[in-house]
């Protein structure tokens, strides 16, 4: 089982994400290629997302969401909640994961039982400072009842996106 697997085909292509991204680019009043440059992602990433709805890597999604100042669930069209407040602190995924595990008083071995991956992934991410795949990120956030953006340290609002939708 790879530590950062490709997202299942059903989740990898999203017409809702495609539509949301096109709307957000239109609001920027620029071309797709100008947007790619502004967001610091490749033109190919934006082109594939706009033409086919292909969801890019988590790292690219974070760059796009940071540029637009929106949450990942909003960018992915999993939420219609537009408000997003960036964290002023410097917390990262590697800071938030141990914090949340301690908060619920669970060891990674216990948490792993509810995850679609083994305990060793937690230790690998923390040891190497890497991020999980998008689907694993959402699984972990759901387990801790926080937003994926909180888990990544992008915001200090820990409200899960399902509960935030109105």
C-alpha atoms as a PDB file:
ATOM      1  CA  UNK A   1       0.000   0.000   0.000  1.00  0.00           C
ATOM      2  CA  UNK A   2       1.693   3.274  -1.064  1.00  0.00           C
ATOM      3  CA  UNK A   3       2.037   6.040   1.506  1.00  0.00           C
ATOM      4  CA  UNK A   4       0.609   8.694  -0.783  1.00  0.00           C
ATOM      5  CA  UNK A   5      -1.602   6.783  -3.208  1.00  0.00           C
ATOM      6  CA  UNK A   6      -3.415   8.091  -6.193  1.00  0.00           C
ATOM      7  CA  UNK A   7      -6.928   9.097  -5.285  1.00  0.00           C
ATOM      8  CA  UNK A   8      -9.559   6.628  -6.364  1.00  0.00           C
ATOM      9  CA  UNK A   9     -10.796   7.336  -9.881  1.00  0.00           C
ATOM     10  CA  UNK A  10     -14.211   8.419  -8.616  1.00  0.00           C
ATOM     11  CA  UNK A  11     -12.628  11.171  -6.529  1.00  0.00           C
ATOM     12  CA  UNK A  12      -9.831  12.054  -8.963  1.00  0.00           C
ATOM     13  CA  UNK A  13     -12.122  13.688 -11.519  1.00  0.00           C
ATOM     14  CA  UNK A  14     -14.729  16.097 -10.258  1.00  0.00           C
ATOM     15  CA  UNK A  15     -17.052  18.153 -12.458  1.00  0.00           C
ATOM     16  CA  UNK A  16     -18.008  20.129  -9.331  1.00  0.00           C
ATOM     17  CA  UNK A  17     -14.358  21.026  -8.687  1.00  0.00           C
ATOM     18  CA  UNK A  18     -13.954  21.898 -12.371  1.00  0.00           C
ATOM     19  CA  UNK A  19     -16.953  24.248 -12.264  1.00  0.00           C
ATOM     20  CA  UNK A  20     -15.849  25.864  -8.983  1.00  0.00           C
ATOM     21  CA  UNK A  21     -12.303  26.444 -10.239  1.00  0.00           C
ATOM     22  CA  UNK A  22     -13.542  27.972 -13.495  1.00  0.00           C
ATOM     23  CA  UNK A  23     -15.818  30.312 -11.514  1.00  0.00           C
ATOM     24  CA  UNK A  24     -12.962  31.343  -9.220  1.00  0.00           C
ATOM     25  CA  UNK A  25     -10.619  31.990 -12.146  1.00  0.00           C
ATOM     26  CA  UNK A  26     -13.318  34.104 -13.816  1.00  0.00           C
ATOM     27  CA  UNK A  27     -13.616  36.155 -10.610  1.00  0.00           C
ATOM     28  CA  UNK A  28      -9.864  36.796 -10.831  1.00  0.00           C
ATOM     29  CA  UNK A  29     -10.391  38.429 -14.266  1.00  0.00           C
ATOM     30  CA  UNK A  30      -7.448  36.656 -15.833  1.00  0.00           C
ATOM     31  CA  UNK A  31      -6.664  33.823 -18.206  1.00  0.00           C
ATOM     32  CA  UNK A  32      -6.099  30.274 -16.986  1.00  0.00           C
ATOM     33  CA  UNK A  33      -2.408  30.690 -17.712  1.00  0.00           C
ATOM     34  CA  UNK A  34      -2.157  33.951 -15.801  1.00  0.00           C
ATOM     35  CA  UNK A  35      -3.987  32.293 -12.928  1.00  0.00           C
ATOM     36  CA  UNK A  36      -1.522  29.389 -12.928  1.00  0.00           C
ATOM     37  CA  UNK A  37       1.339  31.856 -12.683  1.00  0.00           C
ATOM     38  CA  UNK A  38      -0.343  33.813  -9.881  1.00  0.00           C
ATOM     39  CA  UNK A  39      -1.068  30.610  -7.927  1.00  0.00           C
ATOM     40  CA  UNK A  40       2.459  29.302  -8.572  1.00  0.00           C
ATOM     41  CA  UNK A  41       1.303  26.039 -10.151  1.00  0.00           C
ATOM     42  CA  UNK A  42       2.020  24.724 -13.618  1.00  0.00           C
ATOM     43  CA  UNK A  43      -0.169  25.682 -16.546  1.00  0.00           C
ATOM     44  CA  UNK A  44      -0.742  21.970 -17.140  1.00  0.00           C
ATOM     45  CA  UNK A  45      -2.249  21.535 -13.666  1.00  0.00           C
ATOM     46  CA  UNK A  46      -4.738  24.347 -14.267  1.00  0.00           C
ATOM     47  CA  UNK A  47      -5.438  23.227 -17.820  1.00  0.00           C
ATOM     48  CA  UNK A  48      -6.228  19.619 -16.756  1.00  0.00           C
ATOM     49  CA  UNK A  49      -8.405  20.871 -13.909  1.00  0.00           C
ATOM     50  CA  UNK A  50     -10.325  23.306 -16.103  1.00  0.00           C
ATOM     51  CA  UNK A  51     -10.743  21.040 -19.117  1.00  0.00           C
ATOM     52  CA  UNK A  52     -11.315  17.678 -17.448  1.00  0.00           C
ATOM     53  CA  UNK A  53     -11.940  18.351 -13.737  1.00  0.00           C
ATOM     54  CA  UNK A  54      -8.786  16.454 -12.746  1.00  0.00           C
ATOM     55  CA  UNK A  55      -8.000  17.134  -9.108  1.00  0.00           C
ATOM     56  CA  UNK A  56      -4.306  18.013  -8.745  1.00  0.00           C
ATOM     57  CA  UNK A  57      -1.953  16.981  -5.954  1.00  0.00           C
ATOM     58  CA  UNK A  58      -2.550  18.205  -2.434  1.00  0.00           C
ATOM     59  CA  UNK A  59       0.466  20.514  -2.719  1.00  0.00           C
ATOM     60  CA  UNK A  60      -1.008  22.153  -5.841  1.00  0.00           C
ATOM     61  CA  UNK A  61      -4.446  22.417  -4.235  1.00  0.00           C
ATOM     62  CA  UNK A  62      -2.919  24.176  -1.238  1.00  0.00           C
ATOM     63  CA  UNK A  63      -1.148  26.688  -3.500  1.00  0.00           C
ATOM     64  CA  UNK A  64      -4.382  27.396  -5.374  1.00  0.00           C
ATOM     65  CA  UNK A  65      -6.431  27.687  -2.169  1.00  0.00           C
ATOM     66  CA  UNK A  66      -3.772  29.930  -0.590  1.00  0.00           C
ATOM     67  CA  UNK A  67      -3.789  32.220  -3.610  1.00  0.00           C
ATOM     68  CA  UNK A  68      -7.590  32.441  -3.576  1.00  0.00           C
ATOM     69  CA  UNK A  69      -7.800  32.562   0.233  1.00  0.00           C
ATOM     70  CA  UNK A  70     -10.413  29.795   0.308  1.00  0.00           C
ATOM     71  CA  UNK A  71     -10.716  26.511   2.159  1.00  0.00           C
ATOM     72  CA  UNK A  72      -9.865  23.218   0.499  1.00  0.00           C
ATOM     73  CA  UNK A  73     -13.459  21.947   0.845  1.00  0.00           C
ATOM     74  CA  UNK A  74     -14.716  25.121  -0.841  1.00  0.00           C
ATOM     75  CA  UNK A  75     -12.159  24.859  -3.649  1.00  0.00           C
ATOM     76  CA  UNK A  76     -13.090  21.210  -4.184  1.00  0.00           C
ATOM     77  CA  UNK A  77     -16.808  22.133  -4.153  1.00  0.00           C
ATOM     78  CA  UNK A  78     -17.406  19.941  -1.113  1.00  0.00           C
ATOM     79  CA  UNK A  79     -18.676  22.971   0.769  1.00  0.00           C
ATOM     80  CA  UNK A  80     -20.422  26.200  -0.143  1.00  0.00           C
ATOM     81  CA  UNK A  81     -19.047  28.002   2.881  1.00  0.00           C
ATOM     82  CA  UNK A  82     -17.043  30.866   1.406  1.00  0.00           C
ATOM     83  CA  UNK A  83     -15.638  32.453   4.548  1.00  0.00           C
ATOM     84  CA  UNK A  84     -12.089  31.402   5.353  1.00  0.00           C
ATOM     85  CA  UNK A  85      -9.644  32.925   7.777  1.00  0.00           C
ATOM     86  CA  UNK A  86      -5.982  32.104   7.300  1.00  0.00           C
ATOM     87  CA  UNK A  87      -3.987  31.169  10.366  1.00  0.00           C
ATOM     88  CA  UNK A  88      -1.622  33.812  11.667  1.00  0.00           C
ATOM     89  CA  UNK A  89       0.454  31.111  13.331  1.00  0.00           C
ATOM     90  CA  UNK A  90       2.935  28.808  11.734  1.00  0.00           C
ATOM     91  CA  UNK A  91       1.319  25.492  12.594  1.00  0.00           C
ATOM     92  CA  UNK A  92       1.801  22.645  10.140  1.00  0.00           C
ATOM     93  CA  UNK A  93       0.332  19.211   9.570  1.00  0.00           C
ATOM     94  CA  UNK A  94       3.241  17.812  11.610  1.00  0.00           C
ATOM     95  CA  UNK A  95       2.272  20.108  14.499  1.00  0.00           C
ATOM     96  CA  UNK A  96      -1.470  19.553  14.334  1.00  0.00           C
ATOM     97  CA  UNK A  97      -1.450  15.752  14.037  1.00  0.00           C
ATOM     98  CA  UNK A  98       0.256  15.092  17.410  1.00  0.00           C
ATOM     99  CA  UNK A  99      -1.783  17.896  18.990  1.00  0.00           C
ATOM    100  CA  UNK A 100      -5.057  16.296  17.894  1.00  0.00           C
ATOM    101  CA  UNK A 101      -3.958  12.791  18.894  1.00  0.00           C
ATOM    102  CA  UNK A 102      -3.070  14.073  22.365  1.00  0.00           C
ATOM    103  CA  UNK A 103      -6.335  16.011  22.574  1.00  0.00           C
ATOM    104  CA  UNK A 104      -8.392  12.839  22.047  1.00  0.00           C
ATOM    105  CA  UNK A 105      -5.903  10.813  24.107  1.00  0.00           C
ATOM    106  CA  UNK A 106      -5.325   8.246  21.373  1.00  0.00           C
ATOM    107  CA  UNK A 107      -2.178   6.609  20.101  1.00  0.00           C
ATOM    108  CA  UNK A 108      -1.564   6.433  16.367  1.00  0.00           C
ATOM    109  CA  UNK A 109      -2.077   2.678  16.567  1.00  0.00           C
ATOM    110  CA  UNK A 110      -5.608   3.246  17.878  1.00  0.00           C
ATOM    111  CA  UNK A 111      -6.372   5.929  15.289  1.00  0.00           C
ATOM    112  CA  UNK A 112      -5.050   3.712  12.477  1.00  0.00           C
ATOM    113  CA  UNK A 113      -7.833   1.186  13.134  1.00  0.00           C
ATOM    114  CA  UNK A 114     -10.314   3.744  11.797  1.00  0.00           C
ATOM    115  CA  UNK A 115      -8.126   4.713   8.819  1.00  0.00           C
ATOM    116  CA  UNK A 116      -7.694   3.223   5.345  1.00  0.00           C
ATOM    117  CA  UNK A 117      -3.916   3.020   5.980  1.00  0.00           C
ATOM    118  CA  UNK A 118      -1.567   1.542   8.600  1.00  0.00           C
ATOM    119  CA  UNK A 119      -0.098   3.224  11.683  1.00  0.00           C
ATOM    120  CA  UNK A 120       3.335   3.486  10.072  1.00  0.00           C
ATOM    121  CA  UNK A 121       2.071   6.212   7.736  1.00  0.00           C
ATOM    122  CA  UNK A 122       1.616   8.574  10.685  1.00  0.00           C
ATOM    123  CA  UNK A 123       5.206   8.046  11.751  1.00  0.00           C
ATOM    124  CA  UNK A 124       6.501   8.402   8.188  1.00  0.00           C
ATOM    125  CA  UNK A 125       4.665  11.701   7.634  1.00  0.00           C
ATOM    126  CA  UNK A 126       5.936  13.091  10.919  1.00  0.00           C
ATOM    127  CA  UNK A 127       9.497  11.828  10.398  1.00  0.00           C
ATOM    128  CA  UNK A 128       9.799  13.124   6.832  1.00  0.00           C
ATOM    129  CA  UNK A 129       7.611  16.222   7.166  1.00  0.00           C
ATOM    130  CA  UNK A 130       5.472  15.136   4.228  1.00  0.00           C
ATOM    131  CA  UNK A 131       1.739  15.377   3.702  1.00  0.00           C
ATOM    132  CA  UNK A 132      -0.784  12.593   3.226  1.00  0.00           C
ATOM    133  CA  UNK A 133      -2.750  12.213   0.023  1.00  0.00           C
ATOM    134  CA  UNK A 134      -5.951  14.208  -0.302  1.00  0.00           C
ATOM    135  CA  UNK A 135      -8.211  11.289   0.559  1.00  0.00           C
ATOM    136  CA  UNK A 136      -6.127  10.384   3.619  1.00  0.00           C
ATOM    137  CA  UNK A 137      -6.148  14.029   4.736  1.00  0.00           C
ATOM    138  CA  UNK A 138      -9.945  14.118   4.612  1.00  0.00           C
ATOM    139  CA  UNK A 139     -10.138  10.760   6.458  1.00  0.00           C
ATOM    140  CA  UNK A 140      -7.911  12.056   9.258  1.00  0.00           C
ATOM    141  CA  UNK A 141      -9.804  15.359   9.481  1.00  0.00           C
ATOM    142  CA  UNK A 142     -13.103  13.497   9.660  1.00  0.00           C
ATOM    143  CA  UNK A 143     -11.761  11.239  12.423  1.00  0.00           C
ATOM    144  CA  UNK A 144     -10.734  14.249  14.546  1.00  0.00           C
ATOM    145  CA  UNK A 145     -13.886  16.238  13.613  1.00  0.00           C
ATOM    146  CA  UNK A 146     -11.846  19.152  12.284  1.00  0.00           C
ATOM    147  CA  UNK A 147     -11.510  20.812   8.913  1.00  0.00           C
ATOM    148  CA  UNK A 148      -8.724  19.608   6.620  1.00  0.00           C
ATOM    149  CA  UNK A 149      -7.439  23.184   6.601  1.00  0.00           C
ATOM    150  CA  UNK A 150      -7.103  23.126  10.393  1.00  0.00           C
ATOM    151  CA  UNK A 151      -5.237  19.832  10.154  1.00  0.00           C
ATOM    152  CA  UNK A 152      -2.836  21.409   7.631  1.00  0.00           C
ATOM    153  CA  UNK A 153      -2.354  24.525   9.772  1.00  0.00           C
ATOM    154  CA  UNK A 154      -3.945  26.771   7.120  1.00  0.00           C
ATOM    155  CA  UNK A 155      -6.571  28.033   9.600  1.00  0.00           C
ATOM    156  CA  UNK A 156      -7.172  28.071  13.328  1.00  0.00           C
ATOM    157  CA  UNK A 157     -10.888  27.349  12.822  1.00  0.00           C
ATOM    158  CA  UNK A 158     -11.296  23.672  13.625  1.00  0.00           C
ATOM    159  CA  UNK A 159     -14.965  23.482  12.612  1.00  0.00           C
ATOM    160  CA  UNK A 160     -15.514  20.479  10.334  1.00  0.00           C
ATOM    161  CA  UNK A 161     -16.656  21.603   6.911  1.00  0.00           C
ATOM    162  CA  UNK A 162     -19.825  19.443   7.042  1.00  0.00           C
ATOM    163  CA  UNK A 163     -20.957  21.275  10.158  1.00  0.00           C
ATOM    164  CA  UNK A 164     -19.908  24.643   8.760  1.00  0.00           C
ATOM    165  CA  UNK A 165     -22.189  24.436   5.737  1.00  0.00           C
ATOM    166  CA  UNK A 166     -25.426  26.337   6.040  1.00  0.00           C
END
